[in-house]
């Protein structure tokens, strides 16, 4: 979201600083308590731990709708769509109110877990074992991108950032156009095709989602170096989960195309 992931844009960084300053300057808070509020700052370790806790919530909530869908419960789709819509609303709220992340980020994880559990069960019913493959590939890609960033094999320069942002925006516009056209019974050629071109398009989108992880890592590193408030760790975890969920869904889509041939 920001630059490509809106959660991690430069505006988001400014919004976090502004909201942190507002808290410290709050006239309703005793003046002597302000230094205590200022001592806690964002760290890379804290951001990673909160990301893991959100991942755990996704898995727990996902297992709920997974079991419902696999057992043929008629309520599975309601939970799936409820999680998707609720996750979107909470995600937008978090982007505009980063200081609420300690509350909204875990809620977002639960709601997205409900959605992912249901959608994953649907894919697995059609292609046995595809979900485990998608999870393993997503983790492998995430680890690979983390290594590329940590060893500075790929540096997040202004040029690289601009390329990732532009590519992500293009993908979002294509998906939006596909959604609108779908309402009128039309579609974008080759986007959902299982042929070589359709698979190639999915590979490109998976690559773009993967490169967004670099922007996420860069935000976490810069936020920690600049001493953003402690609650920003939840915001960082939220933004990273947004990208990981997108990457997982794109990998799932790619594998389903390959299995359909």
Protein backbone atom coordinates (compact mmCIF):
# COMPACT_ATOMS: atom_id res chain seq x y z
CA UNK A 1 0.00 0.00 0.00
CA UNK A 2 2.14 3.18 0.09
CA UNK A 3 4.30 4.32 -2.33
CA UNK A 4 2.77 1.10 -3.53
CA UNK A 5 1.52 -0.06 -0.24
CA UNK A 6 -0.36 3.03 1.08
CA UNK A 7 0.52 1.96 4.59
CA UNK A 8 4.18 2.66 3.83
CA UNK A 9 4.13 5.89 1.85
CA UNK A 10 6.08 9.01 2.75
CA UNK A 11 2.75 10.58 3.69
CA UNK A 12 2.12 7.69 6.06
CA UNK A 13 5.48 8.35 7.74
CA UNK A 14 4.56 12.03 8.14
CA UNK A 15 1.11 11.05 9.46
CA UNK A 16 2.70 8.81 12.10
CA UNK A 17 5.02 11.60 13.24
CA UNK A 18 2.16 14.10 13.37
CA UNK A 19 -0.10 11.79 15.39
CA UNK A 20 2.76 10.99 17.75
CA UNK A 21 3.38 14.71 18.30
CA UNK A 22 -0.33 15.29 18.93
CA UNK A 23 -0.29 12.62 21.64
CA UNK A 24 2.76 14.14 23.32
CA UNK A 25 1.28 17.64 23.19
CA UNK A 26 -2.19 16.58 24.40
CA UNK A 27 -3.31 19.20 26.97
CA UNK A 28 -5.46 16.63 28.75
CA UNK A 29 -2.39 14.55 29.64
CA UNK A 30 -0.29 15.46 32.71
CA UNK A 31 2.92 17.09 31.48
CA UNK A 32 5.15 14.83 33.54
CA UNK A 33 3.83 11.74 31.74
CA UNK A 34 4.94 12.94 28.29
CA UNK A 35 8.58 11.77 28.64
CA UNK A 36 7.32 8.29 29.51
CA UNK A 37 5.25 8.20 26.33
CA UNK A 38 8.29 9.37 24.36
CA UNK A 39 10.70 6.69 25.62
CA UNK A 40 9.20 3.79 23.67
CA UNK A 41 10.26 3.76 20.04
CA UNK A 42 9.83 1.46 17.09
CA UNK A 43 12.38 -1.34 16.58
CA UNK A 44 12.96 -3.90 13.85
CA UNK A 45 12.66 -6.76 16.35
CA UNK A 46 9.39 -5.41 17.71
CA UNK A 47 7.98 -5.04 14.21
CA UNK A 48 8.93 -8.64 13.38
CA UNK A 49 7.35 -9.99 16.56
CA UNK A 50 4.13 -8.16 15.89
CA UNK A 51 4.11 -9.43 12.32
CA UNK A 52 4.43 -12.98 13.65
CA UNK A 53 1.56 -12.38 16.08
CA UNK A 54 -0.61 -11.14 13.20
CA UNK A 55 0.39 -14.19 11.16
CA UNK A 56 -0.76 -16.37 14.07
CA UNK A 57 -4.13 -14.61 14.16
CA UNK A 58 -4.52 -15.10 10.40
CA UNK A 59 -3.85 -18.83 10.81
CA UNK A 60 -6.28 -19.23 13.71
CA UNK A 61 -9.10 -17.35 11.99
CA UNK A 62 -8.30 -19.05 8.69
CA UNK A 63 -8.62 -22.50 10.22
CA UNK A 64 -12.16 -21.59 11.30
CA UNK A 65 -13.48 -20.82 7.80
CA UNK A 66 -11.30 -23.56 6.29
CA UNK A 67 -13.02 -26.17 8.45
CA UNK A 68 -16.44 -24.72 7.67
CA UNK A 69 -15.79 -24.73 3.92
CA UNK A 70 -14.27 -28.22 3.90
CA UNK A 71 -17.26 -29.57 5.84
CA UNK A 72 -19.65 -28.01 3.33
CA UNK A 73 -21.21 -25.55 5.76
CA UNK A 74 -23.60 -23.11 4.01
CA UNK A 75 -22.31 -20.32 6.27
CA UNK A 76 -18.73 -20.53 4.96
CA UNK A 77 -19.24 -18.02 2.17
CA UNK A 78 -20.88 -15.53 4.51
CA UNK A 79 -17.82 -15.62 6.76
CA UNK A 80 -15.55 -15.40 3.71
CA UNK A 81 -17.22 -12.29 2.28
CA UNK A 82 -17.66 -10.77 5.71
CA UNK A 83 -13.94 -11.13 6.35
CA UNK A 84 -13.05 -9.66 2.95
CA UNK A 85 -15.30 -6.60 3.30
CA UNK A 86 -14.50 -6.08 6.96
CA UNK A 87 -10.78 -6.41 6.29
CA UNK A 88 -10.99 -3.78 3.55
CA UNK A 89 -12.78 -1.32 5.83
CA UNK A 90 -10.41 -1.87 8.76
CA UNK A 91 -7.42 -1.68 6.41
CA UNK A 92 -8.49 1.71 5.04
CA UNK A 93 -9.14 2.99 8.56
CA UNK A 94 -5.66 1.89 9.65
CA UNK A 95 -4.03 3.69 6.72
CA UNK A 96 -5.70 6.97 7.69
CA UNK A 97 -5.35 6.48 11.45
CA UNK A 98 -1.98 4.76 12.01
CA UNK A 99 -2.11 5.38 15.77
CA UNK A 100 -5.08 2.98 15.95
CA UNK A 101 -2.92 0.14 14.59
CA UNK A 102 -2.44 -1.59 17.97
CA UNK A 103 -6.21 -2.19 17.89
CA UNK A 104 -7.02 -2.35 14.18
CA UNK A 105 -4.04 -4.43 13.02
CA UNK A 106 -5.04 -7.56 15.03
CA UNK A 107 -8.67 -7.08 13.92
CA UNK A 108 -7.49 -6.83 10.31
CA UNK A 109 -5.52 -10.07 10.74
CA UNK A 110 -8.58 -11.92 12.06
CA UNK A 111 -10.84 -10.64 9.29
CA UNK A 112 -8.34 -11.43 6.55
CA UNK A 113 -7.83 -14.85 8.11
CA UNK A 114 -11.55 -15.53 7.74
CA UNK A 115 -11.33 -14.56 4.08
CA UNK A 116 -8.14 -16.48 3.35
CA UNK A 117 -9.34 -19.63 5.08
CA UNK A 118 -12.48 -19.73 2.95
CA UNK A 119 -10.85 -18.85 -0.37
CA UNK A 120 -8.00 -21.30 0.27
CA UNK A 121 -10.46 -24.11 0.93
CA UNK A 122 -12.17 -23.36 -2.37
CA UNK A 123 -8.89 -23.59 -4.25
CA UNK A 124 -7.86 -26.73 -2.38
CA UNK A 125 -11.16 -28.44 -3.19
CA UNK A 126 -10.39 -27.94 -6.87
CA UNK A 127 -6.63 -28.55 -6.73
CA UNK A 128 -5.63 -30.84 -3.89
CA UNK A 129 -2.50 -29.67 -2.07
CA UNK A 130 -2.30 -26.30 -3.82
CA UNK A 131 -2.65 -24.30 -0.58
CA UNK A 132 0.40 -25.88 1.04
CA UNK A 133 2.38 -25.23 -2.13
CA UNK A 134 1.26 -21.60 -2.18
CA UNK A 135 2.14 -21.08 1.49
CA UNK A 136 5.61 -22.61 1.04
CA UNK A 137 6.30 -20.58 -2.10
CA UNK A 138 5.12 -17.37 -0.44
CA UNK A 139 7.43 -17.97 2.52
CA UNK A 140 10.33 -18.80 0.20
CA UNK A 141 9.81 -15.62 -1.83
CA UNK A 142 9.52 -13.51 1.34
CA UNK A 143 12.75 -14.96 2.73
CA UNK A 144 14.53 -14.43 -0.59
CA UNK A 145 13.44 -10.79 -0.76
CA UNK A 146 14.47 -10.27 2.88
CA UNK A 147 17.94 -11.63 2.04
CA UNK A 148 18.23 -9.44 -1.05
CA UNK A 149 17.36 -6.42 1.07
CA UNK A 150 19.50 -7.32 4.09
CA UNK A 151 22.65 -7.90 2.02
CA UNK A 152 21.93 -4.80 -0.07
CA UNK A 153 21.90 -6.84 -3.27
CA UNK A 154 18.93 -4.68 -4.21
CA UNK A 155 18.88 -1.17 -2.78
CA UNK A 156 15.67 0.77 -2.40
CA UNK A 157 16.71 3.91 -4.24
CA UNK A 158 14.30 6.60 -5.42
CA UNK A 159 14.43 5.07 -8.91
CA UNK A 160 13.68 1.54 -7.68
CA UNK A 161 10.89 2.84 -5.48
CA UNK A 162 9.36 4.74 -8.38
CA UNK A 163 9.45 1.66 -10.61
CA UNK A 164 7.77 -0.52 -7.99
CA UNK A 165 5.14 2.11 -7.28
CA UNK A 166 4.33 2.58 -10.97
CA UNK A 167 4.12 -1.17 -11.60
CA UNK A 168 1.88 -1.71 -8.57
CA UNK A 169 -0.41 1.12 -9.59
CA UNK A 170 -0.71 -0.40 -13.05
CA UNK A 171 -1.70 -3.77 -11.56
CA UNK A 172 -4.30 -2.14 -9.32
CA UNK A 173 -5.79 -0.27 -12.28
CA UNK A 174 -5.97 -3.48 -14.32
CA UNK A 175 -7.72 -5.31 -11.49
CA UNK A 176 -10.13 -2.41 -11.02
CA UNK A 177 -10.92 -2.39 -14.74
CA UNK A 178 -11.42 -6.17 -14.68
CA UNK A 179 -13.85 -5.84 -11.77
CA UNK A 180 -15.86 -3.10 -13.47
CA UNK A 181 -15.97 -4.95 -16.81
CA UNK A 182 -16.97 -8.13 -15.01
CA UNK A 183 -20.10 -6.39 -13.78
CA UNK A 184 -21.14 -6.04 -17.43
CA UNK A 185 -20.21 -9.58 -18.41
CA UNK A 186 -16.93 -8.59 -20.06
CA UNK A 187 -13.32 -9.01 -19.03
CA UNK A 188 -9.70 -8.20 -19.82
CA UNK A 189 -8.21 -10.67 -22.34
CA UNK A 190 -5.59 -13.13 -21.03
CA UNK A 191 -5.73 -11.84 -17.42
CA UNK A 192 -7.38 -15.04 -16.18
CA UNK A 193 -6.27 -17.23 -19.08
CA UNK A 194 -4.44 -20.48 -18.33
CA UNK A 195 -2.37 -20.23 -21.51
CA UNK A 196 1.28 -19.12 -21.72
CA UNK A 197 0.37 -15.42 -21.83
CA UNK A 198 -1.98 -15.67 -18.86
CA UNK A 199 0.67 -17.53 -16.86
CA UNK A 200 3.25 -14.94 -17.87
CA UNK A 201 1.00 -12.14 -16.63
CA UNK A 202 0.58 -13.90 -13.28
CA UNK A 203 4.36 -14.34 -13.00
CA UNK A 204 4.85 -10.62 -13.55
CA UNK A 205 2.24 -9.73 -10.92
CA UNK A 206 3.82 -12.15 -8.43
CA UNK A 207 7.15 -10.43 -9.08
CA UNK A 208 5.65 -6.98 -8.48
CA UNK A 209 4.05 -8.15 -5.23
CA UNK A 210 7.39 -9.63 -4.15
CA UNK A 211 9.26 -6.39 -4.86
CA UNK A 212 6.76 -4.53 -2.69
CA UNK A 213 8.27 -6.40 0.23
CA UNK A 214 11.44 -4.36 -0.30
CA UNK A 215 9.49 -1.18 0.33
CA UNK A 216 7.99 -2.73 3.46
CA UNK A 217 11.44 -3.67 4.80
CA UNK A 218 12.74 -0.21 3.95
CA UNK A 219 9.91 1.43 5.89
CA UNK A 220 10.58 -0.72 8.96
CA UNK A 221 14.31 0.02 8.86
CA UNK A 222 13.86 3.77 8.37
CA UNK A 223 11.08 3.96 10.96
CA UNK A 224 13.29 2.26 13.53
CA UNK A 225 16.27 4.49 12.68
CA UNK A 226 14.14 7.63 12.95
CA UNK A 227 12.65 6.61 16.29
CA UNK A 228 8.98 6.40 15.35
CA UNK A 229 6.67 5.71 18.32
CA UNK A 230 6.35 2.18 19.67
CA UNK A 231 2.82 1.74 18.30
CA UNK A 232 4.23 2.18 14.80
CA UNK A 233 5.46 -1.43 15.09
CA UNK A 234 1.84 -2.54 14.78
CA UNK A 235 1.42 -0.28 11.78
CA UNK A 236 4.55 -1.75 10.19
CA UNK A 237 3.28 -5.27 10.86
CA UNK A 238 -0.06 -4.36 9.33
CA UNK A 239 1.53 -3.02 6.15
CA UNK A 240 3.80 -6.03 5.81
CA UNK A 241 0.83 -8.40 6.23
CA UNK A 242 -1.04 -6.55 3.48
CA UNK A 243 1.78 -7.31 1.05
CA UNK A 244 2.23 -10.91 2.20
CA UNK A 245 -1.48 -11.61 1.79
CA UNK A 246 -1.44 -10.09 -1.69
CA UNK A 247 1.62 -12.16 -2.59
CA UNK A 248 -0.01 -15.36 -1.30
CA UNK A 249 -3.17 -14.76 -3.32
CA UNK A 250 -1.18 -14.10 -6.48
CA UNK A 251 0.90 -17.25 -5.96
CA UNK A 252 -2.31 -19.19 -5.40
CA UNK A 253 -3.72 -17.79 -8.64
CA UNK A 254 -0.54 -18.65 -10.55
CA UNK A 255 -0.45 -22.23 -9.27
CA UNK A 256 -4.10 -22.72 -10.15
CA UNK A 257 -3.37 -21.65 -13.72
CA UNK A 258 -0.48 -24.07 -13.93
CA UNK A 259 -2.57 -26.92 -12.48
CA UNK A 260 -5.42 -26.17 -14.91
CA UNK A 261 -3.34 -26.81 -18.02
